[in-house]
Protein backbone atom coordinates (compact mmCIF):
# COMPACT_ATOMS: atom_id res chain seq x y z
CA MET A 1 102.92 107.60 125.18
CA ALA A 2 100.04 105.77 123.39
CA LEU A 3 98.75 106.76 119.94
CA LEU A 4 95.31 105.44 120.41
CA PRO A 5 92.95 106.83 122.98
CA LYS A 6 92.18 105.03 126.13
CA ASP A 7 88.45 105.29 125.85
CA ASP A 8 87.38 102.00 124.26
CA LYS A 9 84.73 103.75 121.82
CA ASP A 10 87.13 106.26 120.66
CA ARG A 11 89.67 103.49 120.07
CA LYS A 12 87.31 101.48 118.06
CA TYR A 13 86.64 104.82 115.81
CA MET A 14 90.23 105.33 115.21
CA LEU A 15 90.92 101.70 114.37
CA MET A 16 88.12 101.80 112.00
CA GLY A 17 89.36 104.93 110.38
CA LEU A 18 92.91 103.46 109.90
CA ARG A 19 91.39 100.34 108.47
CA ILE A 20 89.35 102.34 105.93
CA ILE A 21 92.41 104.55 104.96
CA GLY A 22 94.39 101.36 104.26
CA ASP A 23 91.53 99.51 102.51
CA PHE A 24 90.71 102.50 100.35
CA GLY A 25 94.33 103.12 99.44
CA ALA A 26 94.76 99.53 98.36
CA THR A 27 91.61 99.44 96.50
CA ILE A 28 92.70 102.46 94.55
CA ALA A 29 96.39 101.65 94.00
CA VAL A 30 96.31 98.00 93.11
CA PRO A 31 94.14 97.99 90.01
CA ILE A 32 95.73 101.12 88.71
CA VAL A 33 99.15 99.77 88.93
CA LEU A 34 98.11 96.34 87.64
CA PHE A 35 96.16 97.69 84.76
CA VAL A 36 98.68 100.28 83.65
CA LEU A 37 101.52 97.69 83.89
CA ILE A 38 99.36 95.36 81.66
CA GLY A 39 98.71 98.33 79.31
CA GLN A 40 102.47 98.99 78.92
CA TRP A 41 103.09 95.37 78.33
CA LEU A 42 100.44 95.29 75.57
CA GLU A 43 102.08 98.52 74.07
CA GLY A 44 105.42 96.87 74.01
CA LYS A 45 103.88 93.83 72.30
CA TYR A 46 101.32 95.42 69.78
CA GLY A 47 102.32 99.01 69.69
CA TYR A 48 99.58 101.83 69.71
CA ALA A 49 101.33 103.82 72.51
CA PRO A 50 99.78 105.24 74.74
CA TRP A 51 96.31 103.75 74.08
CA PHE A 52 96.66 100.60 76.08
CA THR A 53 98.02 102.35 79.08
CA VAL A 54 95.12 105.09 78.95
CA LEU A 55 92.51 102.39 78.61
CA GLY A 56 94.13 100.43 81.46
CA PHE A 57 93.88 103.59 83.69
CA ILE A 58 90.31 104.33 82.74
CA LEU A 59 89.30 100.75 83.33
CA ALA A 60 91.09 100.60 86.68
CA ALA A 61 89.57 103.96 87.74
CA LEU A 62 86.03 102.71 86.87
CA LEU A 63 86.74 99.37 88.84
CA SER A 64 88.34 101.26 91.74
CA GLY A 65 85.20 103.59 91.90
CA LYS A 66 82.82 100.75 91.90
CA LEU A 67 84.77 98.88 94.77
CA ILE A 68 85.10 102.01 96.73
CA TYR A 69 81.28 102.68 96.43
CA LYS A 70 80.65 99.21 97.64
CA LYS A 71 83.06 99.36 100.47
CA ALA A 72 81.95 102.76 101.56
CA LYS A 73 78.45 101.38 101.98
CA GLN A 74 79.69 98.54 104.02
CA TYR A 75 81.88 100.84 106.23
CA GLY A 76 78.72 103.10 106.62
CA LYS A 77 76.70 100.14 108.03
CA GLU A 78 79.63 99.15 110.17
CA TYR A 79 79.91 102.82 111.63
CA GLU A 80 76.22 102.90 112.32
CA GLN A 81 76.54 99.68 114.26
CA LEU A 82 79.58 101.06 116.22
CA ASP A 83 77.56 104.16 116.86
CA LYS A 84 74.73 102.29 118.28
CA GLU A 85 76.78 100.47 120.81
CA LYS A 86 76.91 101.73 124.30
């Protein structure tokens, strides 16, 4: 029993969708985890809790949003190319 369709075009769409899910998930998760951990470390070093963590989260959200926007445009172009194939 195969999870991916046998039709080559449908298979390409499914693989692209899975790649987008993984890429967007990593693009959102990695900066947030990294910036929040740095914020917590700075709080431990300098105090001012929870401001460094909040600032880290906001910066990570902005960075993730910008990266997602760029990647969405790139994937849109790739989808159009895939859609044009016969």
